[in-house]
Amino acid sequence: KAQPDCGKPQFKSKKAPRQGFKTDRAKLVNNYDQIAIEDLDVKRMQM
């Protein structure tokens, strides 16, 4: 209960990550004229 963001484990698909990636990108570009994102330091996030 201390980790409310963790959802129920889901089945894995080889195609799922790239399908979601393309869909999310299309929604952002099609629906918004201005988009702001962060330049993440991924290496420091790998705890």
ModelCIF file with pLDDT and N, C-alpha, C, O atoms, coordinates in Angstrom:
data_MODEL
#
_entry.id   MODEL 
#
_entity.id                         1 
_entity.type                       polymer 
_entity.pdbx_number_of_molecules   1 
#
_entity_poly.entity_id                      1 
_entity_poly.type                           'polypeptide(L)' 
_entity_poly.nstd_linkage                   no 
_entity_poly.nstd_monomer                   no 
_entity_poly.pdbx_seq_one_letter_code       KAQPDCGKPQFKSKKAPRQGFKTDRAKLVNNYDQIAIEDLDVKRMQM 
_entity_poly.pdbx_seq_one_letter_code_can   KAQPDCGKPQFKSKKAPRQGFKTDRAKLVNNYDQIAIEDLDVKRMQM 
_entity_poly.pdbx_strand_id                 A 
#
loop_
_entity_poly_seq.entity_id 
_entity_poly_seq.num 
_entity_poly_seq.mon_id 
_entity_poly_seq.hetero 
1 1  LYS n 
1 2  ALA n 
1 3  GLN n 
1 4  PRO n 
1 5  ASP n 
1 6  CYS n 
1 7  GLY n 
1 8  LYS n 
1 9  PRO n 
1 10 GLN n 
1 11 PHE n 
1 12 LYS n 
1 13 SER n 
1 14 LYS n 
1 15 LYS n 
1 16 ALA n 
1 17 PRO n 
1 18 ARG n 
1 19 GLN n 
1 20 GLY n 
1 21 PHE n 
1 22 LYS n 
1 23 THR n 
1 24 ASP n 
1 25 ARG n 
1 26 ALA n 
1 27 LYS n 
1 28 LEU n 
1 29 VAL n 
1 30 ASN n 
1 31 ASN n 
1 32 TYR n 
1 33 ASP n 
1 34 GLN n 
1 35 ILE n 
1 36 ALA n 
1 37 ILE n 
1 38 GLU n 
1 39 ASP n 
1 40 LEU n 
1 41 ASP n 
1 42 VAL n 
1 43 LYS n 
1 44 ARG n 
1 45 MET n 
1 46 GLN n 
1 47 MET n 
#
_struct_asym.id          A 
_struct_asym.entity_id   1 
#
loop_
_ma_qa_metric.id 
_ma_qa_metric.mode 
_ma_qa_metric.name 
_ma_qa_metric.software_group_id 
_ma_qa_metric.type 
1 global pLDDT . pLDDT 
2 local  pLDDT . pLDDT 
#
_ma_qa_metric_global.metric_id      1 
_ma_qa_metric_global.metric_value   72.53 
_ma_qa_metric_global.model_id       1 
_ma_qa_metric_global.ordinal_id     1 
#
loop_
_ma_qa_metric_local.label_asym_id 
_ma_qa_metric_local.label_comp_id 
_ma_qa_metric_local.label_seq_id 
_ma_qa_metric_local.metric_id 
_ma_qa_metric_local.metric_value 
_ma_qa_metric_local.model_id 
_ma_qa_metric_local.ordinal_id 
A LYS 1  2 73.00 1 1  
A ALA 2  2 71.00 1 2  
A GLN 3  2 68.00 1 3  
A PRO 4  2 63.00 1 4  
A ASP 5  2 64.00 1 5  
A CYS 6  2 70.00 1 6  
A GLY 7  2 77.00 1 7  
A LYS 8  2 83.00 1 8  
A PRO 9  2 87.00 1 9  
A GLN 10 2 86.00 1 10 
A PHE 11 2 87.00 1 11 
A LYS 12 2 85.00 1 12 
A SER 13 2 80.00 1 13 
A LYS 14 2 73.00 1 14 
A LYS 15 2 66.00 1 15 
A ALA 16 2 57.00 1 16 
A PRO 17 2 53.00 1 17 
A ARG 18 2 52.00 1 18 
A GLN 19 2 50.00 1 19 
A GLY 20 2 51.00 1 20 
A PHE 21 2 54.00 1 21 
A LYS 22 2 58.00 1 22 
A THR 23 2 59.00 1 23 
A ASP 24 2 64.00 1 24 
A ARG 25 2 67.00 1 25 
A ALA 26 2 72.00 1 26 
A LYS 27 2 78.00 1 27 
A LEU 28 2 81.00 1 28 
A VAL 29 2 84.00 1 29 
A ASN 30 2 83.00 1 30 
A ASN 31 2 86.00 1 31 
A TYR 32 2 88.00 1 32 
A ASP 33 2 90.00 1 33 
A GLN 34 2 90.00 1 34 
A ILE 35 2 90.00 1 35 
A ALA 36 2 90.00 1 36 
A ILE 37 2 88.00 1 37 
A GLU 38 2 85.00 1 38 
A ASP 39 2 81.00 1 39 
A LEU 40 2 75.00 1 40 
A ASP 41 2 71.00 1 41 
A VAL 42 2 66.00 1 42 
A LYS 43 2 67.00 1 43 
A ARG 44 2 66.00 1 44 
A MET 45 2 64.00 1 45 
A GLN 46 2 60.00 1 46 
A MET 47 2 56.00 1 47 
#
loop_
_atom_site.group_PDB 
_atom_site.id 
_atom_site.type_symbol 
_atom_site.label_atom_id 
_atom_site.label_alt_id 
_atom_site.label_comp_id 
_atom_site.label_asym_id 
_atom_site.label_entity_id 
_atom_site.label_seq_id 
_atom_site.pdbx_PDB_ins_code 
_atom_site.Cartn_x 
_atom_site.Cartn_y 
_atom_site.Cartn_z 
_atom_site.occupancy 
_atom_site.B_iso_or_equiv 
_atom_site.pdbx_formal_charge 
_atom_site.auth_seq_id 
_atom_site.auth_comp_id 
_atom_site.auth_asym_id 
_atom_site.auth_atom_id 
_atom_site.pdbx_PDB_model_num 
ATOM 1   N N  . LYS A 1 1  ? 0.816  -1.211  0.000   1.00 73.00 ? 1  LYS A N  1 
ATOM 2   C CA . LYS A 1 1  ? 0.000  0.000   0.000   1.00 73.00 ? 1  LYS A CA 1 
ATOM 3   C C  . LYS A 1 1  ? 0.855  1.269   0.000   1.00 73.00 ? 1  LYS A C  1 
ATOM 4   O O  . LYS A 1 1  ? 0.361  2.350   -0.320  1.00 73.00 ? 1  LYS A O  1 
ATOM 5   N N  . ALA A 1 2  ? 2.116  1.143   0.352   1.00 71.00 ? 2  ALA A N  1 
ATOM 6   C CA . ALA A 1 2  ? 3.012  2.308   0.360   1.00 71.00 ? 2  ALA A CA 1 
ATOM 7   C C  . ALA A 1 2  ? 3.447  2.697   -1.053  1.00 71.00 ? 2  ALA A C  1 
ATOM 8   O O  . ALA A 1 2  ? 4.048  3.753   -1.250  1.00 71.00 ? 2  ALA A O  1 
ATOM 9   N N  . GLN A 1 3  ? 3.145  1.846   -2.036  1.00 68.00 ? 3  GLN A N  1 
ATOM 10  C CA . GLN A 1 3  ? 3.495  2.137   -3.430  1.00 68.00 ? 3  GLN A CA 1 
ATOM 11  C C  . GLN A 1 3  ? 2.230  2.107   -4.282  1.00 68.00 ? 3  GLN A C  1 
ATOM 12  O O  . GLN A 1 3  ? 1.996  1.141   -5.008  1.00 68.00 ? 3  GLN A O  1 
ATOM 13  N N  . PRO A 1 4  ? 1.417  3.151   -4.201  1.00 63.00 ? 4  PRO A N  1 
ATOM 14  C CA . PRO A 1 4  ? 0.138  3.173   -4.923  1.00 63.00 ? 4  PRO A CA 1 
ATOM 15  C C  . PRO A 1 4  ? 0.301  3.230   -6.433  1.00 63.00 ? 4  PRO A C  1 
ATOM 16  O O  . PRO A 1 4  ? -0.647 2.934   -7.161  1.00 63.00 ? 4  PRO A O  1 
ATOM 17  N N  . ASP A 1 5  ? 1.492  3.606   -6.929  1.00 64.00 ? 5  ASP A N  1 
ATOM 18  C CA . ASP A 1 5  ? 1.693  3.721   -8.370  1.00 64.00 ? 5  ASP A CA 1 
ATOM 19  C C  . ASP A 1 5  ? 1.915  2.376   -9.041  1.00 64.00 ? 5  ASP A C  1 
ATOM 20  O O  . ASP A 1 5  ? 1.805  2.274   -10.263 1.00 64.00 ? 5  ASP A O  1 
ATOM 21  N N  . CYS A 1 6  ? 2.222  1.349   -8.271  1.00 70.00 ? 6  CYS A N  1 
ATOM 22  C CA . CYS A 1 6  ? 2.513  0.032   -8.843  1.00 70.00 ? 6  CYS A CA 1 
ATOM 23  C C  . CYS A 1 6  ? 1.210  -0.697  -9.162  1.00 70.00 ? 6  CYS A C  1 
ATOM 24  O O  . CYS A 1 6  ? 0.459  -1.064  -8.258  1.00 70.00 ? 6  CYS A O  1 
ATOM 25  N N  . GLY A 1 7  ? 0.951  -0.901  -10.432 1.00 77.00 ? 7  GLY A N  1 
ATOM 26  C CA . GLY A 1 7  ? -0.268 -1.583  -10.846 1.00 77.00 ? 7  GLY A CA 1 
ATOM 27  C C  . GLY A 1 7  ? -0.097 -3.091  -10.824 1.00 77.00 ? 7  GLY A C  1 
ATOM 28  O O  . GLY A 1 7  ? 0.982  -3.604  -10.531 1.00 77.00 ? 7  GLY A O  1 
ATOM 29  N N  . LYS A 1 8  ? -1.167 -3.786  -11.136 1.00 83.00 ? 8  LYS A N  1 
ATOM 30  C CA . LYS A 1 8  ? -1.135 -5.246  -11.171 1.00 83.00 ? 8  LYS A CA 1 
ATOM 31  C C  . LYS A 1 8  ? -0.250 -5.714  -12.313 1.00 83.00 ? 8  LYS A C  1 
ATOM 32  O O  . LYS A 1 8  ? -0.303 -5.134  -13.398 1.00 83.00 ? 8  LYS A O  1 
ATOM 33  N N  . PRO A 1 9  ? 0.568  -6.753  -12.102 1.00 87.00 ? 9  PRO A N  1 
ATOM 34  C CA . PRO A 1 9  ? 1.443  -7.246  -13.173 1.00 87.00 ? 9  PRO A CA 1 
ATOM 35  C C  . PRO A 1 9  ? 0.659  -7.598  -14.429 1.00 87.00 ? 9  PRO A C  1 
ATOM 36  O O  . PRO A 1 9  ? -0.419 -8.188  -14.357 1.00 87.00 ? 9  PRO A O  1 
ATOM 37  N N  . GLN A 1 10 ? 1.206  -7.232  -15.568 1.00 86.00 ? 10 GLN A N  1 
ATOM 38  C CA . GLN A 1 10 ? 0.537  -7.441  -16.849 1.00 86.00 ? 10 GLN A CA 1 
ATOM 39  C C  . GLN A 1 10 ? 1.326  -8.423  -17.709 1.00 86.00 ? 10 GLN A C  1 
ATOM 40  O O  . GLN A 1 10 ? 2.531  -8.604  -17.533 1.00 86.00 ? 10 GLN A O  1 
ATOM 41  N N  . PHE A 1 11 ? 0.615  -9.050  -18.641 1.00 87.00 ? 11 PHE A N  1 
ATOM 42  C CA . PHE A 1 11 ? 1.268  -9.939  -19.591 1.00 87.00 ? 11 PHE A CA 1 
ATOM 43  C C  . PHE A 1 11 ? 2.155  -9.106  -20.526 1.00 87.00 ? 11 PHE A C  1 
ATOM 44  O O  . PHE A 1 11 ? 1.823  -7.970  -20.863 1.00 87.00 ? 11 PHE A O  1 
ATOM 45  N N  . LYS A 1 12 ? 3.273  -9.682  -20.932 1.00 85.00 ? 12 LYS A N  1 
ATOM 46  C CA . LYS A 1 12 ? 4.243  -8.975  -21.757 1.00 85.00 ? 12 LYS A CA 1 
ATOM 47  C C  . LYS A 1 12 ? 4.101  -9.367  -23.217 1.00 85.00 ? 12 LYS A C  1 
ATOM 48  O O  . LYS A 1 12 ? 3.855  -10.525 -23.553 1.00 85.00 ? 12 LYS A O  1 
ATOM 49  N N  . SER A 1 13 ? 4.264  -8.363  -24.077 1.00 80.00 ? 13 SER A N  1 
ATOM 50  C CA . SER A 1 13 ? 4.232  -8.582  -25.519 1.00 80.00 ? 13 SER A CA 1 
ATOM 51  C C  . SER A 1 13 ? 5.448  -7.932  -26.146 1.00 80.00 ? 13 SER A C  1 
ATOM 52  O O  . SER A 1 13 ? 5.877  -6.861  -25.717 1.00 80.00 ? 13 SER A O  1 
ATOM 53  N N  . LYS A 1 14 ? 6.005  -8.576  -27.161 1.00 73.00 ? 14 LYS A N  1 
ATOM 54  C CA . LYS A 1 14 ? 7.199  -8.034  -27.818 1.00 73.00 ? 14 LYS A CA 1 
ATOM 55  C C  . LYS A 1 14 ? 6.889  -6.744  -28.554 1.00 73.00 ? 14 LYS A C  1 
ATOM 56  O O  . LYS A 1 14 ? 7.766  -5.898  -28.728 1.00 73.00 ? 14 LYS A O  1 
ATOM 57  N N  . LYS A 1 15 ? 5.638  -6.591  -28.988 1.00 66.00 ? 15 LYS A N  1 
ATOM 58  C CA . LYS A 1 15 ? 5.248  -5.422  -29.768 1.00 66.00 ? 15 LYS A CA 1 
ATOM 59  C C  . LYS A 1 15 ? 4.712  -4.289  -28.908 1.00 66.00 ? 15 LYS A C  1 
ATOM 60  O O  . LYS A 1 15 ? 4.701  -3.139  -29.347 1.00 66.00 ? 15 LYS A O  1 
ATOM 61  N N  . ALA A 1 16 ? 4.270  -4.586  -27.697 1.00 57.00 ? 16 ALA A N  1 
ATOM 62  C CA . ALA A 1 16 ? 3.572  -3.596  -26.869 1.00 57.00 ? 16 ALA A CA 1 
ATOM 63  C C  . ALA A 1 16 ? 4.343  -2.314  -26.617 1.00 57.00 ? 16 ALA A C  1 
ATOM 64  O O  . ALA A 1 16 ? 3.765  -1.240  -26.781 1.00 57.00 ? 16 ALA A O  1 
ATOM 65  N N  . PRO A 1 17 ? 5.648  -2.356  -26.218 1.00 53.00 ? 17 PRO A N  1 
ATOM 66  C CA . PRO A 1 17 ? 6.361  -1.108  -25.923 1.00 53.00 ? 17 PRO A CA 1 
ATOM 67  C C  . PRO A 1 17 ? 6.422  -0.152  -27.104 1.00 53.00 ? 17 PRO A C  1 
ATOM 68  O O  . PRO A 1 17 ? 6.202  1.048   -26.937 1.00 53.00 ? 17 PRO A O  1 
ATOM 69  N N  . ARG A 1 18 ? 6.719  -0.665  -28.297 1.00 52.00 ? 18 ARG A N  1 
ATOM 70  C CA . ARG A 1 18 ? 6.839  0.223   -29.454 1.00 52.00 ? 18 ARG A CA 1 
ATOM 71  C C  . ARG A 1 18 ? 5.478  0.717   -29.934 1.00 52.00 ? 18 ARG A C  1 
ATOM 72  O O  . ARG A 1 18 ? 5.370  1.834   -30.440 1.00 52.00 ? 18 ARG A O  1 
ATOM 73  N N  . GLN A 1 19 ? 4.435  -0.105  -29.778 1.00 50.00 ? 19 GLN A N  1 
ATOM 74  C CA . GLN A 1 19 ? 3.100  0.346   -30.145 1.00 50.00 ? 19 GLN A CA 1 
ATOM 75  C C  . GLN A 1 19 ? 2.673  1.509   -29.260 1.00 50.00 ? 19 GLN A C  1 
ATOM 76  O O  . GLN A 1 19 ? 2.149  2.505   -29.759 1.00 50.00 ? 19 GLN A O  1 
ATOM 77  N N  . GLY A 1 20 ? 2.891  1.393   -27.944 1.00 51.00 ? 20 GLY A N  1 
ATOM 78  C CA . GLY A 1 20 ? 2.556  2.482   -27.026 1.00 51.00 ? 20 GLY A CA 1 
ATOM 79  C C  . GLY A 1 20 ? 3.388  3.708   -27.296 1.00 51.00 ? 20 GLY A C  1 
ATOM 80  O O  . GLY A 1 20 ? 2.899  4.833   -27.195 1.00 51.00 ? 20 GLY A O  1 
ATOM 81  N N  . PHE A 1 21 ? 4.647  3.496   -27.639 1.00 54.00 ? 21 PHE A N  1 
ATOM 82  C CA . PHE A 1 21 ? 5.550  4.606   -27.940 1.00 54.00 ? 21 PHE A CA 1 
ATOM 83  C C  . PHE A 1 21 ? 5.028  5.422   -29.119 1.00 54.00 ? 21 PHE A C  1 
ATOM 84  O O  . PHE A 1 21 ? 4.983  6.650   -29.047 1.00 54.00 ? 21 PHE A O  1 
ATOM 85  N N  . LYS A 1 22 ? 4.636  4.758   -30.195 1.00 58.00 ? 22 LYS A N  1 
ATOM 86  C CA . LYS A 1 22 ? 4.144  5.458   -31.380 1.00 58.00 ? 22 LYS A CA 1 
ATOM 87  C C  . LYS A 1 22 ? 2.815  6.154   -31.096 1.00 58.00 ? 22 LYS A C  1 
ATOM 88  O O  . LYS A 1 22 ? 2.583  7.268   -31.567 1.00 58.00 ? 22 LYS A O  1 
ATOM 89  N N  . THR A 1 23 ? 1.953  5.509   -30.337 1.00 59.00 ? 23 THR A N  1 
ATOM 90  C CA . THR A 1 23 ? 0.636  6.081   -30.039 1.00 59.00 ? 23 THR A CA 1 
ATOM 91  C C  . THR A 1 23 ? 0.767  7.338   -29.183 1.00 59.00 ? 23 THR A C  1 
ATOM 92  O O  . THR A 1 23 ? 0.105  8.340   -29.455 1.00 59.00 ? 23 THR A O  1 
ATOM 93  N N  . ASP A 1 24 ? 1.610  7.298   -28.154 1.00 64.00 ? 24 ASP A N  1 
ATOM 94  C CA . ASP A 1 24 ? 1.789  8.459   -27.272 1.00 64.00 ? 24 ASP A CA 1 
ATOM 95  C C  . ASP A 1 24 ? 2.369  9.640   -28.029 1.00 64.00 ? 24 ASP A C  1 
ATOM 96  O O  . ASP A 1 24 ? 1.933  10.777  -27.846 1.00 64.00 ? 24 ASP A O  1 
ATOM 97  N N  . ARG A 1 25 ? 3.352  9.371   -28.879 1.00 67.00 ? 25 ARG A N  1 
ATOM 98  C CA . ARG A 1 25 ? 3.961  10.449  -29.658 1.00 67.00 ? 25 ARG A CA 1 
ATOM 99  C C  . ARG A 1 25 ? 2.947  11.085  -30.587 1.00 67.00 ? 25 ARG A C  1 
ATOM 100 O O  . ARG A 1 25 ? 2.923  12.307  -30.729 1.00 67.00 ? 25 ARG A O  1 
ATOM 101 N N  . ALA A 1 26 ? 2.105  10.275  -31.225 1.00 72.00 ? 26 ALA A N  1 
ATOM 102 C CA . ALA A 1 26 ? 1.112  10.794  -32.161 1.00 72.00 ? 26 ALA A CA 1 
ATOM 103 C C  . ALA A 1 26 ? 0.072  11.654  -31.448 1.00 72.00 ? 26 ALA A C  1 
ATOM 104 O O  . ALA A 1 26 ? -0.349 12.683  -31.977 1.00 72.00 ? 26 ALA A O  1 
ATOM 105 N N  . LYS A 1 27 ? -0.343 11.241  -30.250 1.00 78.00 ? 27 LYS A N  1 
ATOM 106 C CA . LYS A 1 27 ? -1.330 12.008  -29.498 1.00 78.00 ? 27 LYS A CA 1 
ATOM 107 C C  . LYS A 1 27 ? -0.791 13.384  -29.120 1.00 78.00 ? 27 LYS A C  1 
ATOM 108 O O  . LYS A 1 27 ? -1.504 14.382  -29.224 1.00 78.00 ? 27 LYS A O  1 
ATOM 109 N N  . LEU A 1 28 ? 0.458  13.438  -28.684 1.00 81.00 ? 28 LEU A N  1 
ATOM 110 C CA . LEU A 1 28 ? 1.054  14.707  -28.288 1.00 81.00 ? 28 LEU A CA 1 
ATOM 111 C C  . LEU A 1 28 ? 1.151  15.674  -29.465 1.00 81.00 ? 28 LEU A C  1 
ATOM 112 O O  . LEU A 1 28 ? 0.738  16.829  -29.367 1.00 81.00 ? 28 LEU A O  1 
ATOM 113 N N  . VAL A 1 29 ? 1.692  15.197  -30.564 1.00 84.00 ? 29 VAL A N  1 
ATOM 114 C CA . VAL A 1 29 ? 1.922  16.074  -31.714 1.00 84.00 ? 29 VAL A CA 1 
ATOM 115 C C  . VAL A 1 29 ? 0.617  16.504  -32.356 1.00 84.00 ? 29 VAL A C  1 
ATOM 116 O O  . VAL A 1 29 ? 0.508  17.638  -32.822 1.00 84.00 ? 29 VAL A O  1 
ATOM 117 N N  . ASN A 1 30 ? -0.371 15.629  -32.391 1.00 83.00 ? 30 ASN A N  1 
ATOM 118 C CA . ASN A 1 30 ? -1.640 15.942  -33.047 1.00 83.00 ? 30 ASN A CA 1 
ATOM 119 C C  . ASN A 1 30 ? -2.534 16.850  -32.207 1.00 83.00 ? 30 ASN A C  1 
ATOM 120 O O  . ASN A 1 30 ? -3.333 17.608  -32.757 1.00 83.00 ? 30 ASN A O  1 
ATOM 121 N N  . ASN A 1 31 ? -2.409 16.781  -30.885 1.00 86.00 ? 31 ASN A N  1 
ATOM 122 C CA . ASN A 1 31 ? -3.350 17.486  -30.014 1.00 86.00 ? 31 ASN A CA 1 
ATOM 123 C C  . ASN A 1 31 ? -2.816 18.785  -29.414 1.00 86.00 ? 31 ASN A C  1 
ATOM 124 O O  . ASN A 1 31 ? -3.590 19.585  -28.888 1.00 86.00 ? 31 ASN A O  1 
ATOM 125 N N  . TYR A 1 32 ? -1.487 19.004  -29.487 1.00 88.00 ? 32 TYR A N  1 
ATOM 126 C CA . TYR A 1 32 ? -0.922 20.176  -28.817 1.00 88.00 ? 32 TYR A CA 1 
ATOM 127 C C  . TYR A 1 32 ? 0.036  20.923  -29.756 1.00 88.00 ? 32 TYR A C  1 
ATOM 128 O O  . TYR A 1 32 ? 0.797  20.312  -30.507 1.00 88.00 ? 32 TYR A O  1 
ATOM 129 N N  . ASP A 1 33 ? -0.024 22.259  -29.694 1.00 90.00 ? 33 ASP A N  1 
ATOM 130 C CA . ASP A 1 33 ? 0.881  23.096  -30.496 1.00 90.00 ? 33 ASP A CA 1 
ATOM 131 C C  . ASP A 1 33 ? 2.200  23.350  -29.778 1.00 90.00 ? 33 ASP A C  1 
ATOM 132 O O  . ASP A 1 33 ? 3.224  23.591  -30.416 1.00 90.00 ? 33 ASP A O  1 
ATOM 133 N N  . GLN A 1 34 ? 2.173  23.294  -28.443 1.00 90.00 ? 34 GLN A N  1 
ATOM 134 C CA . GLN A 1 34 ? 3.378  23.510  -27.645 1.00 90.00 ? 34 GLN A CA 1 
ATOM 135 C C  . GLN A 1 34 ? 3.540  22.352  -26.656 1.00 90.00 ? 34 GLN A C  1 
ATOM 136 O O  . GLN A 1 34 ? 2.593  21.977  -25.964 1.00 90.00 ? 34 GLN A O  1 
ATOM 137 N N  . ILE A 1 35 ? 4.748  21.793  -26.601 1.00 90.00 ? 35 ILE A N  1 
ATOM 138 C CA . ILE A 1 35 ? 5.023  20.621  -25.766 1.00 90.00 ? 35 ILE A CA 1 
ATOM 139 C C  . ILE A 1 35 ? 6.293  20.873  -24.977 1.00 90.00 ? 35 ILE A C  1 
ATOM 140 O O  . ILE A 1 35 ? 7.283  21.359  -25.525 1.00 90.00 ? 35 ILE A O  1 
ATOM 141 N N  . ALA A 1 36 ? 6.272  20.547  -23.692 1.00 90.00 ? 36 ALA A N  1 
ATOM 142 C CA . ALA A 1 36 ? 7.445  20.710  -22.831 1.00 90.00 ? 36 ALA A CA 1 
ATOM 143 C C  . ALA A 1 36 ? 7.824  19.356  -22.237 1.00 90.00 ? 36 ALA A C  1 
ATOM 144 O O  . ALA A 1 36 ? 6.967  18.643  -21.714 1.00 90.00 ? 36 ALA A O  1 
ATOM 145 N N  . ILE A 1 37 ? 9.101  19.002  -22.318 1.00 88.00 ? 37 ILE A N  1 
ATOM 146 C CA . ILE A 1 37 ? 9.593  17.755  -21.753 1.00 88.00 ? 37 ILE A CA 1 
ATOM 147 C C  . ILE A 1 37 ? 10.890 18.032  -20.987 1.00 88.00 ? 37 ILE A C  1 
ATOM 148 O O  . ILE A 1 37 ? 11.495 19.094  -21.129 1.00 88.00 ? 37 ILE A O  1 
ATOM 149 N N  . GLU A 1 38 ? 11.301 17.059  -20.175 1.00 85.00 ? 38 GLU A N  1 
ATOM 150 C CA . GLU A 1 38 ? 12.535 17.183  -19.403 1.00 85.00 ? 38 GLU A CA 1 
ATOM 151 C C  . GLU A 1 38 ? 13.675 16.420  -20.080 1.00 85.00 ? 38 GLU A C  1 
ATOM 152 O O  . GLU A 1 38 ? 13.463 15.373  -20.691 1.00 85.00 ? 38 GLU A O  1 
ATOM 153 N N  . ASP A 1 39 ? 14.876 16.961  -19.959 1.00 81.00 ? 39 ASP A N  1 
ATOM 154 C CA . ASP A 1 39 ? 16.080 16.265  -20.401 1.00 81.00 ? 39 ASP A CA 1 
ATOM 155 C C  . ASP A 1 39 ? 16.558 15.425  -19.224 1.00 81.00 ? 39 ASP A C  1 
ATOM 156 O O  . ASP A 1 39 ? 17.330 15.899  -18.390 1.00 81.00 ? 39 ASP A O  1 
ATOM 157 N N  . LEU A 1 40 ? 16.096 14.173  -19.155 1.00 75.00 ? 40 LEU A N  1 
ATOM 158 C CA . LEU A 1 40 ? 16.335 13.331  -17.985 1.00 75.00 ? 40 LEU A CA 1 
ATOM 159 C C  . LEU A 1 40 ? 17.756 12.777  -17.957 1.00 75.00 ? 40 LEU A C  1 
ATOM 160 O O  . LEU A 1 40 ? 18.322 12.426  -18.993 1.00 75.00 ? 40 LEU A O  1 
ATOM 161 N N  . ASP A 1 41 ? 18.312 12.707  -16.771 1.00 71.00 ? 41 ASP A N  1 
ATOM 162 C CA . ASP A 1 41 ? 19.610 12.073  -16.559 1.00 71.00 ? 41 ASP A CA 1 
ATOM 163 C C  . ASP A 1 41 ? 19.330 10.616  -16.195 1.00 71.00 ? 41 ASP A C  1 
ATOM 164 O O  . ASP A 1 41 ? 19.248 10.261  -15.019 1.00 71.00 ? 41 ASP A O  1 
ATOM 165 N N  . VAL A 1 42 ? 19.184 9.782   -17.223 1.00 66.00 ? 42 VAL A N  1 
ATOM 166 C CA . VAL A 1 42 ? 18.722 8.409   -17.023 1.00 66.00 ? 42 VAL A CA 1 
ATOM 167 C C  . VAL A 1 42 ? 19.694 7.597   -16.170 1.00 66.00 ? 42 VAL A C  1 
ATOM 168 O O  . VAL A 1 42 ? 19.260 6.783   -15.355 1.00 66.00 ? 42 VAL A O  1 
ATOM 169 N N  . LYS A 1 43 ? 20.998 7.803   -16.343 1.00 67.00 ? 43 LYS A N  1 
ATOM 170 C CA . LYS A 1 43 ? 21.980 7.017   -15.596 1.00 67.00 ? 43 LYS A CA 1 
ATOM 171 C C  . LYS A 1 43 ? 21.833 7.208   -14.083 1.00 67.00 ? 43 LYS A C  1 
ATOM 172 O O  . LYS A 1 43 ? 21.971 6.254   -13.317 1.00 67.00 ? 43 LYS A O  1 
ATOM 173 N N  . ARG A 1 44 ? 21.556 8.430   -13.663 1.00 66.00 ? 44 ARG A N  1 
ATOM 174 C CA . ARG A 1 44 ? 21.403 8.695   -12.229 1.00 66.00 ? 44 ARG A CA 1 
ATOM 175 C C  . ARG A 1 44 ? 20.084 8.158   -11.688 1.00 66.00 ? 44 ARG A C  1 
ATOM 176 O O  . ARG A 1 44 ? 19.929 7.998   -10.477 1.00 66.00 ? 44 ARG A O  1 
ATOM 177 N N  . MET A 1 45 ? 19.129 7.877   -12.583 1.00 64.00 ? 45 MET A N  1 
ATOM 178 C CA . MET A 1 45 ? 17.837 7.343   -12.171 1.00 64.00 ? 45 MET A CA 1 
ATOM 179 C C  . MET A 1 45 ? 17.883 5.830   -11.993 1.00 64.00 ? 45 MET A C  1 
ATOM 180 O O  . MET A 1 45 ? 16.947 5.251   -11.441 1.00 64.00 ? 45 MET A O  1 
ATOM 181 N N  . GLN A 1 46 ? 18.955 5.175   -12.448 1.00 60.00 ? 46 GLN A N  1 
ATOM 182 C CA . GLN A 1 46 ? 19.066 3.730   -12.375 1.00 60.00 ? 46 GLN A CA 1 
ATOM 183 C C  . GLN A 1 46 ? 19.568 3.319   -10.993 1.00 60.00 ? 46 GLN A C  1 
ATOM 184 O O  . GLN A 1 46 ? 20.756 3.061   -10.800 1.00 60.00 ? 46 GLN A O  1 
ATOM 185 N N  . MET A 1 47 ? 18.645 3.262   -10.041 1.00 56.00 ? 47 MET A N  1 
ATOM 186 C CA . MET A 1 47 ? 19.014 3.005   -8.652  1.00 56.00 ? 47 MET A CA 1 
ATOM 187 C C  . MET A 1 47 ? 19.294 1.530   -8.392  1.00 56.00 ? 47 MET A C  1 
ATOM 188 O O  . MET A 1 47 ? 19.618 1.152   -7.267  1.00 56.00 ? 47 MET A O  1 
#
